[in-house]
N, C-alpha and C. Protein backbone atom coordinates (compact mmCIF):
# COMPACT_ATOMS: atom_id res chain seq x y z
N UNK A 1 -226.78 -72.87 -188.22
CA UNK A 1 -226.73 -71.61 -187.89
C UNK A 1 -227.79 -71.19 -186.92
N UNK A 2 -227.39 -70.37 -185.88
CA UNK A 2 -228.42 -70.06 -184.96
C UNK A 2 -229.42 -68.92 -185.54
N UNK A 3 -230.68 -69.05 -185.24
CA UNK A 3 -231.63 -68.09 -185.67
C UNK A 3 -231.43 -66.65 -185.09
N UNK A 4 -231.53 -65.73 -186.10
CA UNK A 4 -231.25 -64.35 -185.83
C UNK A 4 -229.84 -63.99 -185.90
N UNK A 5 -228.98 -64.93 -186.26
CA UNK A 5 -227.61 -64.38 -186.40
C UNK A 5 -227.29 -64.02 -187.88
N UNK A 6 -226.29 -63.30 -188.03
CA UNK A 6 -225.95 -62.97 -189.47
C UNK A 6 -224.49 -63.06 -189.63
N UNK A 7 -224.08 -63.10 -190.83
CA UNK A 7 -222.59 -63.28 -191.03
C UNK A 7 -221.84 -61.92 -190.47
N UNK A 8 -222.42 -60.80 -190.26
CA UNK A 8 -221.75 -59.77 -189.63
C UNK A 8 -221.51 -60.08 -188.15
N UNK A 9 -222.56 -60.83 -187.62
CA UNK A 9 -222.15 -61.11 -186.14
C UNK A 9 -221.06 -62.07 -185.86
N UNK A 10 -220.42 -62.60 -186.83
CA UNK A 10 -219.32 -63.46 -186.62
C UNK A 10 -218.19 -62.81 -187.48
N UNK A 11 -218.48 -62.23 -188.83
CA UNK A 11 -217.48 -61.72 -189.56
C UNK A 11 -216.70 -60.39 -188.95
N UNK A 12 -217.58 -59.62 -188.22
CA UNK A 12 -216.90 -58.53 -187.62
C UNK A 12 -215.94 -58.71 -186.60
N UNK A 13 -216.18 -59.56 -185.57
CA UNK A 13 -215.30 -59.86 -184.56
C UNK A 13 -213.97 -60.70 -185.07
N UNK A 14 -214.30 -61.37 -186.20
CA UNK A 14 -213.27 -62.12 -186.73
C UNK A 14 -212.11 -61.04 -187.28
N UNK A 15 -212.78 -60.18 -188.09
CA UNK A 15 -211.75 -59.13 -188.73
C UNK A 15 -211.31 -58.16 -187.59
N UNK A 16 -212.03 -57.87 -186.59
CA UNK A 16 -211.58 -57.08 -185.56
C UNK A 16 -210.23 -57.82 -184.90
N UNK A 17 -210.47 -59.09 -184.60
CA UNK A 17 -209.37 -59.99 -183.99
C UNK A 17 -208.17 -59.87 -184.96
N UNK A 18 -208.29 -60.07 -186.25
CA UNK A 18 -207.21 -59.87 -187.10
C UNK A 18 -206.58 -58.51 -187.11
N UNK A 19 -207.41 -57.50 -187.04
CA UNK A 19 -206.71 -56.12 -186.93
C UNK A 19 -205.94 -55.98 -185.69
N UNK A 20 -206.56 -56.54 -184.53
CA UNK A 20 -205.78 -56.47 -183.31
C UNK A 20 -204.49 -57.31 -183.34
N UNK A 21 -204.49 -58.45 -184.24
CA UNK A 21 -203.36 -59.21 -184.29
C UNK A 21 -202.28 -58.45 -184.98
N UNK A 22 -202.68 -57.77 -186.12
CA UNK A 22 -201.78 -57.07 -186.95
C UNK A 22 -201.17 -55.98 -186.12
N UNK A 23 -202.04 -55.31 -185.33
CA UNK A 23 -201.47 -54.11 -184.50
C UNK A 23 -200.49 -54.67 -183.37
N UNK A 24 -200.94 -55.76 -182.82
CA UNK A 24 -200.01 -56.43 -181.82
C UNK A 24 -198.72 -56.84 -182.39
N UNK A 25 -198.72 -57.44 -183.56
CA UNK A 25 -197.48 -58.03 -184.10
C UNK A 25 -196.49 -56.69 -184.47
N UNK A 26 -197.19 -55.85 -185.07
CA UNK A 26 -196.35 -54.49 -185.38
C UNK A 26 -195.74 -54.00 -184.16
N UNK A 27 -196.66 -53.81 -183.01
CA UNK A 27 -196.00 -53.43 -181.74
C UNK A 27 -194.79 -54.29 -181.22
N UNK A 28 -195.19 -55.47 -181.35
CA UNK A 28 -194.03 -56.53 -180.73
C UNK A 28 -192.94 -56.44 -181.48
N UNK A 29 -192.96 -56.45 -182.90
CA UNK A 29 -191.71 -56.21 -183.77
C UNK A 29 -191.02 -54.95 -183.47
N UNK A 30 -191.77 -53.84 -183.29
CA UNK A 30 -191.36 -52.53 -183.15
C UNK A 30 -190.48 -52.42 -181.84
N UNK A 31 -191.04 -52.96 -180.84
CA UNK A 31 -190.55 -53.00 -179.51
C UNK A 31 -189.09 -53.84 -179.50
N UNK A 32 -189.23 -54.96 -180.23
CA UNK A 32 -188.01 -55.90 -180.16
C UNK A 32 -186.86 -55.01 -181.08
N UNK A 33 -187.15 -54.42 -182.08
CA UNK A 33 -186.24 -53.74 -182.90
C UNK A 33 -185.69 -52.46 -181.88
N UNK A 34 -186.52 -52.01 -181.29
CA UNK A 34 -185.97 -50.80 -180.21
C UNK A 34 -184.98 -51.21 -179.49
N UNK A 35 -185.26 -52.39 -178.86
CA UNK A 35 -184.38 -53.03 -177.76
C UNK A 35 -183.00 -53.42 -178.49
N UNK A 36 -183.10 -53.97 -179.61
CA UNK A 36 -181.85 -54.32 -180.49
C UNK A 36 -181.02 -53.10 -180.83
N UNK A 37 -181.77 -52.01 -181.08
CA UNK A 37 -181.14 -50.84 -181.38
C UNK A 37 -180.38 -50.20 -180.22
N UNK A 38 -181.13 -50.23 -179.08
CA UNK A 38 -180.51 -49.88 -177.92
C UNK A 38 -179.22 -50.55 -177.31
N UNK A 39 -179.19 -51.84 -177.60
CA UNK A 39 -178.26 -52.69 -177.27
C UNK A 39 -176.97 -52.36 -178.17
N UNK A 40 -177.33 -52.18 -179.48
CA UNK A 40 -176.24 -51.89 -180.50
C UNK A 40 -175.55 -50.45 -180.09
N UNK A 41 -176.51 -49.44 -179.44
CA UNK A 41 -176.05 -48.23 -179.23
C UNK A 41 -175.09 -48.30 -177.97
N UNK A 42 -175.29 -49.02 -177.09
CA UNK A 42 -174.59 -49.27 -175.75
C UNK A 42 -173.58 -50.37 -175.70
N UNK A 43 -173.50 -51.16 -176.63
CA UNK A 43 -172.59 -52.18 -176.50
C UNK A 43 -171.13 -51.98 -176.20
N UNK A 44 -170.53 -50.69 -176.58
CA UNK A 44 -169.43 -50.46 -176.10
C UNK A 44 -169.08 -50.35 -174.61
N UNK A 45 -170.35 -50.12 -173.96
CA UNK A 45 -170.31 -49.79 -172.38
C UNK A 45 -170.50 -51.15 -171.78
N UNK A 46 -170.95 -52.14 -172.44
CA UNK A 46 -171.51 -53.41 -171.69
C UNK A 46 -170.44 -54.42 -171.32
N UNK A 47 -169.54 -54.57 -172.20
CA UNK A 47 -168.50 -55.66 -171.84
C UNK A 47 -169.07 -57.02 -172.62
N UNK A 48 -168.04 -57.90 -172.73
CA UNK A 48 -168.23 -59.07 -173.34
C UNK A 48 -169.38 -60.01 -172.78
N UNK A 49 -169.16 -60.25 -171.44
CA UNK A 49 -170.16 -61.26 -170.64
C UNK A 49 -171.67 -60.63 -170.77
N UNK A 50 -171.72 -59.38 -170.53
CA UNK A 50 -173.03 -58.75 -170.62
C UNK A 50 -173.55 -58.92 -171.99
N UNK A 51 -172.77 -58.66 -172.92
CA UNK A 51 -173.18 -58.67 -174.53
C UNK A 51 -173.58 -60.15 -174.87
N UNK A 52 -172.85 -60.99 -174.41
CA UNK A 52 -173.13 -62.49 -174.60
C UNK A 52 -174.41 -62.76 -173.99
N UNK A 53 -174.69 -62.46 -172.85
CA UNK A 53 -176.06 -62.67 -172.06
C UNK A 53 -177.15 -62.03 -172.73
N UNK A 54 -176.99 -60.76 -173.20
CA UNK A 54 -178.10 -60.03 -173.86
C UNK A 54 -178.37 -60.67 -175.20
N UNK A 55 -177.33 -61.08 -175.94
CA UNK A 55 -177.37 -61.68 -177.35
C UNK A 55 -177.95 -63.01 -177.07
N UNK A 56 -177.74 -63.81 -176.30
CA UNK A 56 -178.42 -65.08 -175.96
C UNK A 56 -179.94 -64.91 -175.74
N UNK A 57 -180.26 -63.95 -174.93
CA UNK A 57 -181.58 -63.77 -174.69
C UNK A 57 -182.43 -63.02 -175.61
N UNK A 58 -181.76 -62.16 -176.50
CA UNK A 58 -182.40 -61.64 -177.66
C UNK A 58 -182.63 -62.58 -178.69
N UNK A 59 -181.59 -63.65 -178.95
CA UNK A 59 -181.93 -64.65 -179.83
C UNK A 59 -183.16 -65.60 -179.47
N UNK A 60 -183.30 -65.77 -178.08
CA UNK A 60 -184.39 -66.59 -177.48
C UNK A 60 -185.90 -65.93 -177.87
N UNK A 61 -185.66 -64.55 -177.58
CA UNK A 61 -186.72 -63.74 -177.86
C UNK A 61 -187.28 -63.63 -179.38
N UNK A 62 -185.99 -63.55 -180.12
CA UNK A 62 -186.45 -63.54 -181.58
C UNK A 62 -187.01 -64.87 -182.09
N UNK A 63 -186.44 -66.05 -181.51
CA UNK A 63 -187.02 -67.29 -181.95
C UNK A 63 -188.46 -67.27 -181.37
N UNK A 64 -188.63 -66.94 -180.30
CA UNK A 64 -190.29 -67.03 -179.79
C UNK A 64 -191.19 -66.00 -180.66
N UNK A 65 -190.58 -64.80 -181.14
CA UNK A 65 -191.28 -63.91 -181.75
C UNK A 65 -191.56 -64.51 -183.24
N UNK A 66 -190.52 -65.10 -183.83
CA UNK A 66 -190.74 -65.68 -185.10
C UNK A 66 -191.64 -66.97 -185.00
N UNK A 67 -191.71 -67.64 -183.88
CA UNK A 67 -192.73 -68.57 -183.97
C UNK A 67 -194.11 -68.04 -183.73
N UNK A 68 -194.44 -67.01 -183.13
CA UNK A 68 -195.67 -66.31 -183.07
C UNK A 68 -195.88 -65.66 -184.52
N UNK A 69 -194.87 -65.10 -185.15
CA UNK A 69 -195.19 -64.60 -186.51
C UNK A 69 -195.58 -65.66 -187.47
N UNK A 70 -194.96 -66.99 -187.37
CA UNK A 70 -195.40 -67.92 -188.14
C UNK A 70 -196.88 -68.33 -188.05
N UNK A 71 -197.24 -68.49 -186.89
CA UNK A 71 -198.76 -68.78 -186.35
C UNK A 71 -199.53 -67.71 -186.90
N UNK A 72 -199.25 -66.48 -186.76
CA UNK A 72 -200.00 -65.22 -187.39
C UNK A 72 -199.97 -65.36 -188.67
N UNK A 73 -198.96 -65.62 -189.35
CA UNK A 73 -198.93 -65.83 -190.87
C UNK A 73 -199.87 -66.97 -191.40
N UNK A 74 -199.87 -68.05 -190.70
CA UNK A 74 -200.80 -69.01 -191.12
C UNK A 74 -202.34 -68.62 -190.95
N UNK A 75 -202.46 -68.00 -189.86
CA UNK A 75 -203.85 -67.36 -189.62
C UNK A 75 -204.32 -66.47 -190.60
N UNK A 76 -203.34 -65.51 -190.96
CA UNK A 76 -203.64 -64.50 -191.84
C UNK A 76 -203.99 -64.98 -193.42
N UNK A 77 -203.25 -66.15 -193.66
CA UNK A 77 -203.37 -66.76 -194.98
C UNK A 77 -204.82 -67.29 -194.95
N UNK A 78 -205.60 -67.48 -193.87
CA UNK A 78 -206.87 -68.27 -193.87
C UNK A 78 -207.94 -67.21 -193.68
N UNK A 79 -207.68 -65.82 -193.35
CA UNK A 79 -208.62 -64.95 -193.08
C UNK A 79 -209.55 -64.91 -194.10
N UNK A 80 -209.28 -64.64 -195.44
CA UNK A 80 -210.25 -64.43 -196.43
C UNK A 80 -211.12 -65.73 -196.52
N UNK A 81 -210.49 -66.87 -196.65
CA UNK A 81 -211.22 -68.27 -196.86
C UNK A 81 -212.31 -68.37 -195.64
N UNK A 82 -211.87 -68.04 -194.31
CA UNK A 82 -212.77 -68.17 -193.32
C UNK A 82 -213.93 -67.16 -193.44
N UNK A 83 -213.65 -66.01 -193.86
CA UNK A 83 -214.70 -64.96 -193.98
C UNK A 83 -215.74 -65.45 -195.06
N UNK A 84 -215.05 -66.02 -196.22
CA UNK A 84 -215.99 -66.64 -197.11
C UNK A 84 -216.85 -67.74 -196.72
N UNK A 85 -216.25 -68.51 -195.92
CA UNK A 85 -217.07 -69.65 -195.05
C UNK A 85 -218.04 -69.14 -194.21
N UNK A 86 -217.80 -68.20 -193.48
CA UNK A 86 -218.91 -67.55 -192.71
C UNK A 86 -220.02 -67.06 -193.51
N UNK A 87 -219.51 -66.22 -194.71
CA UNK A 87 -220.61 -65.81 -195.53
C UNK A 87 -221.39 -66.84 -196.16
N UNK A 88 -220.72 -67.82 -196.72
CA UNK A 88 -221.52 -69.01 -197.36
C UNK A 88 -222.31 -69.86 -196.39
N UNK A 89 -221.89 -69.98 -195.04
CA UNK A 89 -222.89 -70.65 -194.15
C UNK A 89 -224.08 -69.91 -193.85
N UNK A 90 -224.15 -68.55 -193.96
CA UNK A 90 -225.28 -67.82 -193.68
C UNK A 90 -226.26 -67.83 -194.99
N UNK A 91 -225.46 -67.75 -196.17
CA UNK A 91 -226.19 -67.81 -197.50
C UNK A 91 -226.80 -69.34 -197.54
N UNK A 92 -226.14 -70.38 -197.05
CA UNK A 92 -226.73 -71.77 -197.06
C UNK A 92 -228.02 -71.79 -196.22
N UNK A 93 -228.04 -71.19 -195.19
CA UNK A 93 -229.24 -71.10 -194.40
C UNK A 93 -230.40 -70.31 -195.10
N UNK A 94 -230.01 -69.19 -195.52
CA UNK A 94 -231.09 -68.37 -196.43
C UNK A 94 -231.62 -69.02 -197.70
N UNK A 95 -230.48 -69.48 -198.45
CA UNK A 95 -230.86 -69.85 -199.90
C UNK A 95 -231.15 -71.37 -199.98
N UNK A 96 -230.84 -72.17 -199.01
CA UNK A 96 -231.06 -73.64 -199.29
C UNK A 96 -231.79 -74.27 -197.92
N UNK A 97 -231.49 -74.12 -196.72
CA UNK A 97 -231.96 -74.66 -195.64
C UNK A 97 -233.50 -74.37 -195.55
N UNK A 98 -233.67 -73.05 -195.28
CA UNK A 98 -234.92 -72.53 -195.11
C UNK A 98 -235.96 -73.06 -196.30
N UNK A 99 -235.66 -72.58 -197.57
CA UNK A 99 -236.53 -73.17 -198.59
C UNK A 99 -236.79 -74.73 -198.61
N UNK A 100 -235.76 -75.48 -198.34
CA UNK A 100 -235.98 -76.95 -198.28
C UNK A 100 -236.85 -77.27 -197.02
N UNK A 101 -236.72 -76.83 -196.01
CA UNK A 101 -237.42 -76.87 -194.82
C UNK A 101 -238.95 -76.52 -195.10
N UNK A 102 -239.11 -75.44 -195.73
CA UNK A 102 -240.48 -75.00 -196.18
C UNK A 102 -241.18 -76.04 -197.00
N UNK A 103 -240.38 -76.81 -197.86
CA UNK A 103 -241.07 -77.81 -198.70
C UNK A 103 -241.83 -78.95 -197.91
N UNK A 104 -241.44 -79.31 -196.78
CA UNK A 104 -241.92 -80.40 -195.96
C UNK A 104 -243.41 -80.16 -195.66
N UNK A 105 -243.73 -78.89 -195.60
CA UNK A 105 -245.28 -78.63 -195.36
C UNK A 105 -246.00 -78.65 -196.74
N UNK A 106 -245.30 -78.11 -197.62
CA UNK A 106 -246.01 -77.95 -199.02
C UNK A 106 -246.19 -79.26 -199.61
N UNK A 107 -245.50 -80.36 -199.48
CA UNK A 107 -245.68 -81.73 -199.82
C UNK A 107 -246.81 -82.35 -199.23
N UNK A 108 -247.31 -81.92 -198.18
CA UNK A 108 -248.51 -82.60 -197.49
C UNK A 108 -249.85 -81.82 -197.66
N UNK A 109 -249.73 -80.56 -198.16
CA UNK A 109 -250.84 -79.65 -198.25
C UNK A 109 -251.29 -79.80 -199.77
N UNK A 110 -252.51 -80.17 -200.08
CA UNK A 110 -252.87 -80.10 -201.43
C UNK A 110 -253.17 -78.86 -201.98
N UNK A 111 -252.81 -78.66 -203.21
CA UNK A 111 -252.94 -77.30 -203.86
C UNK A 111 -254.38 -77.08 -204.11
N UNK A 112 -255.06 -78.20 -204.35
CA UNK A 112 -256.66 -78.00 -204.88
C UNK A 112 -257.22 -78.73 -203.64
N UNK A 113 -258.23 -78.13 -203.03
CA UNK A 113 -259.02 -78.69 -202.10
C UNK A 113 -259.95 -79.97 -202.59
N UNK A 114 -260.15 -80.06 -203.74
CA UNK A 114 -260.87 -81.27 -204.31
C UNK A 114 -260.06 -82.40 -204.31
N UNK A 115 -258.74 -82.32 -204.16
CA UNK A 115 -257.97 -83.50 -203.95
C UNK A 115 -258.06 -84.36 -202.91
N UNK A 116 -258.59 -83.82 -201.92
CA UNK A 116 -259.08 -84.78 -200.77
C UNK A 116 -260.21 -85.59 -201.07
N UNK A 117 -261.11 -85.41 -202.05
CA UNK A 117 -262.17 -86.05 -202.33
C UNK A 117 -261.73 -87.14 -203.35
N UNK A 118 -260.64 -86.91 -203.93
CA UNK A 118 -260.13 -88.01 -204.91
C UNK A 118 -260.11 -89.41 -204.43
N UNK A 119 -260.52 -90.45 -205.08
CA UNK A 119 -260.61 -91.77 -204.85
C UNK A 119 -260.08 -92.67 -205.98
N UNK A 120 -260.08 -93.94 -205.68
CA UNK A 120 -259.82 -94.94 -206.62
C UNK A 120 -258.19 -94.96 -206.75
N UNK A 121 -257.86 -95.86 -207.97
CA UNK A 121 -256.42 -96.10 -208.02
C UNK A 121 -255.52 -94.85 -208.28
N UNK A 122 -255.92 -93.77 -209.04
CA UNK A 122 -255.27 -92.66 -209.05
C UNK A 122 -254.83 -91.97 -207.79
N UNK A 123 -255.95 -91.96 -206.88
CA UNK A 123 -255.62 -91.31 -205.59
C UNK A 123 -254.84 -92.23 -204.84
N UNK A 124 -254.84 -93.44 -204.76
CA UNK A 124 -253.95 -94.36 -204.24
C UNK A 124 -252.44 -94.29 -204.53
N UNK A 125 -252.29 -94.07 -205.88
CA UNK A 125 -251.00 -93.98 -206.56
C UNK A 125 -250.35 -92.54 -206.07
N UNK A 126 -251.23 -91.55 -206.16
CA UNK A 126 -250.88 -90.30 -205.65
C UNK A 126 -250.50 -90.21 -204.35
N UNK A 127 -251.25 -90.68 -203.38
CA UNK A 127 -251.00 -90.68 -201.83
C UNK A 127 -249.65 -91.52 -201.74
N UNK A 128 -249.42 -92.61 -202.36
CA UNK A 128 -248.25 -93.45 -202.03
C UNK A 128 -246.77 -92.54 -202.44
N UNK A 129 -247.19 -91.96 -203.77
CA UNK A 129 -246.00 -91.03 -204.10
C UNK A 129 -245.90 -89.88 -203.20
N UNK A 130 -246.94 -89.18 -202.72
CA UNK A 130 -246.90 -88.17 -201.81
C UNK A 130 -246.00 -88.42 -200.53
N UNK A 131 -246.31 -89.68 -199.98
CA UNK A 131 -245.71 -90.16 -198.68
C UNK A 131 -244.19 -90.20 -198.93
N UNK A 132 -243.78 -90.86 -200.25
CA UNK A 132 -242.32 -90.99 -200.54
C UNK A 132 -241.79 -89.65 -200.66
N UNK A 133 -242.35 -88.69 -201.27
CA UNK A 133 -242.00 -87.42 -201.54
C UNK A 133 -241.77 -86.69 -200.35
N UNK A 134 -242.73 -86.71 -199.35
CA UNK A 134 -242.42 -86.08 -198.04
C UNK A 134 -241.33 -86.70 -197.37
N UNK A 135 -241.11 -87.98 -197.40
CA UNK A 135 -240.03 -88.77 -196.77
C UNK A 135 -238.75 -88.03 -197.48
N UNK A 136 -238.58 -87.97 -198.63
CA UNK A 136 -237.48 -87.62 -199.30
C UNK A 136 -237.14 -86.21 -198.95
N UNK A 137 -238.20 -85.34 -198.88
CA UNK A 137 -238.14 -83.79 -198.53
C UNK A 137 -237.51 -83.71 -196.94
N UNK A 138 -238.22 -84.70 -196.15
CA UNK A 138 -237.86 -84.56 -194.75
C UNK A 138 -236.26 -84.99 -194.62
N UNK A 139 -235.81 -85.98 -195.36
CA UNK A 139 -234.52 -86.41 -195.40
C UNK A 139 -233.50 -85.43 -195.93
N UNK A 140 -234.01 -84.52 -196.95
CA UNK A 140 -233.22 -83.45 -197.26
C UNK A 140 -233.12 -82.25 -196.21
N UNK A 141 -234.37 -82.16 -195.58
CA UNK A 141 -234.24 -81.06 -194.34
C UNK A 141 -233.24 -81.50 -193.27
N UNK A 142 -233.05 -82.92 -193.01
CA UNK A 142 -232.27 -83.43 -191.97
C UNK A 142 -230.77 -83.04 -192.59
N UNK A 143 -230.62 -83.49 -193.75
CA UNK A 143 -229.21 -83.27 -194.31
C UNK A 143 -228.83 -81.77 -194.28
N UNK A 144 -229.73 -80.81 -194.78
CA UNK A 144 -229.49 -79.41 -194.98
C UNK A 144 -229.26 -78.84 -193.54
N UNK A 145 -229.97 -79.43 -192.38
CA UNK A 145 -229.51 -78.97 -190.98
C UNK A 145 -228.31 -79.45 -190.52
N UNK A 146 -227.88 -80.55 -190.98
CA UNK A 146 -226.46 -81.11 -190.61
C UNK A 146 -225.41 -80.33 -191.25
N UNK A 147 -225.55 -80.07 -192.53
CA UNK A 147 -224.59 -79.05 -193.17
C UNK A 147 -224.69 -77.74 -192.65
N UNK A 148 -225.74 -77.30 -192.18
CA UNK A 148 -225.78 -76.05 -191.54
C UNK A 148 -225.06 -75.85 -190.31
N UNK A 149 -225.38 -76.94 -189.43
CA UNK A 149 -224.60 -76.88 -188.20
C UNK A 149 -223.11 -77.06 -188.43
N UNK A 150 -222.87 -77.89 -189.40
CA UNK A 150 -221.26 -78.26 -189.62
C UNK A 150 -220.65 -76.98 -190.03
N UNK A 151 -221.23 -76.10 -190.98
CA UNK A 151 -220.63 -74.96 -191.40
C UNK A 151 -220.53 -74.06 -190.27
N UNK A 152 -221.68 -73.90 -189.47
CA UNK A 152 -221.56 -72.91 -188.22
C UNK A 152 -220.46 -73.40 -187.29
N UNK A 153 -220.23 -74.62 -187.06
CA UNK A 153 -219.18 -75.16 -186.19
C UNK A 153 -217.71 -74.72 -186.73
N UNK A 154 -217.57 -75.00 -187.94
CA UNK A 154 -216.33 -74.55 -188.51
C UNK A 154 -215.98 -73.02 -188.50
N UNK A 155 -216.97 -72.30 -188.86
CA UNK A 155 -216.83 -70.81 -188.83
C UNK A 155 -216.70 -70.21 -187.32
N UNK A 156 -217.49 -70.90 -186.52
CA UNK A 156 -217.31 -70.46 -185.20
C UNK A 156 -215.94 -70.91 -184.61
N UNK A 157 -215.36 -71.93 -184.76
CA UNK A 157 -214.10 -72.57 -184.38
C UNK A 157 -212.99 -71.47 -185.00
N UNK A 158 -213.19 -71.01 -186.18
CA UNK A 158 -212.31 -70.21 -186.62
C UNK A 158 -212.24 -68.81 -186.14
N UNK A 159 -213.46 -68.31 -185.83
CA UNK A 159 -213.60 -67.00 -185.06
C UNK A 159 -212.92 -67.13 -183.70
N UNK A 160 -213.31 -68.20 -183.00
CA UNK A 160 -212.64 -68.34 -181.70
C UNK A 160 -211.16 -68.69 -181.70
N UNK A 161 -210.68 -69.18 -182.84
CA UNK A 161 -209.13 -69.48 -182.83
C UNK A 161 -208.56 -68.03 -183.05
N UNK A 162 -209.11 -67.20 -183.87
CA UNK A 162 -208.57 -65.81 -184.07
C UNK A 162 -208.61 -64.89 -182.81
N UNK A 163 -209.85 -64.99 -182.13
CA UNK A 163 -210.03 -64.31 -180.69
C UNK A 163 -208.85 -64.89 -179.82
N UNK A 164 -208.66 -66.16 -179.69
CA UNK A 164 -207.80 -66.66 -178.85
C UNK A 164 -206.40 -66.31 -179.06
N UNK A 165 -206.14 -66.23 -180.45
CA UNK A 165 -204.63 -65.82 -180.68
C UNK A 165 -204.49 -64.35 -180.34
N UNK A 166 -205.47 -63.51 -180.59
CA UNK A 166 -205.36 -62.13 -180.11
C UNK A 166 -205.21 -62.04 -178.68
N UNK A 167 -205.74 -62.86 -177.75
CA UNK A 167 -205.60 -62.89 -176.33
C UNK A 167 -204.27 -63.45 -176.02
N UNK A 168 -203.76 -64.62 -176.69
CA UNK A 168 -202.48 -64.93 -176.47
C UNK A 168 -201.31 -63.85 -176.70
N UNK A 169 -201.41 -63.12 -177.85
CA UNK A 169 -200.51 -62.02 -178.27
C UNK A 169 -200.63 -60.97 -177.11
N UNK A 170 -201.88 -60.55 -176.66
CA UNK A 170 -202.16 -59.54 -175.85
C UNK A 170 -201.31 -59.86 -174.38
N UNK A 171 -201.36 -61.15 -174.13
CA UNK A 171 -200.77 -61.72 -172.81
C UNK A 171 -199.24 -61.95 -172.98
N UNK A 172 -198.68 -61.77 -174.16
CA UNK A 172 -197.32 -62.09 -174.34
C UNK A 172 -196.54 -60.97 -173.83
């Protein structure tokens, strides 16, 4: 996750995109239904050839609209899990990654200043373990950073997908 970012920075645009998707779908379905109602109202005036042509094109439009509705349904099914992922991503950074990263420094700084004066077998054993402990903490830091970036990429990709879906619907 990028420093200074919050789940609101990604969650709000994601929710706004879904609000726009819902509004756009409602508008598209409403307009389609208006056209169908108008055709039904005037069908007696149009004649068989014109009715066939209109029906054929309305069927194609209905199919395209249904394809978009299927895509939107899939996206809506994943809205809450993606919001949860965004929230968990930021919680991961705050509750896991930062504290683990802070441990790297703690493992190298003696709690007691007299520890630096320590000599002999006990000091050697302690220093050997401290080096291993720091290496283990540093490895944990790298893994927590990897997980953090992975969560961020997934959350960002989902936000980008929702925004792209809105743009596609707006341009349709």
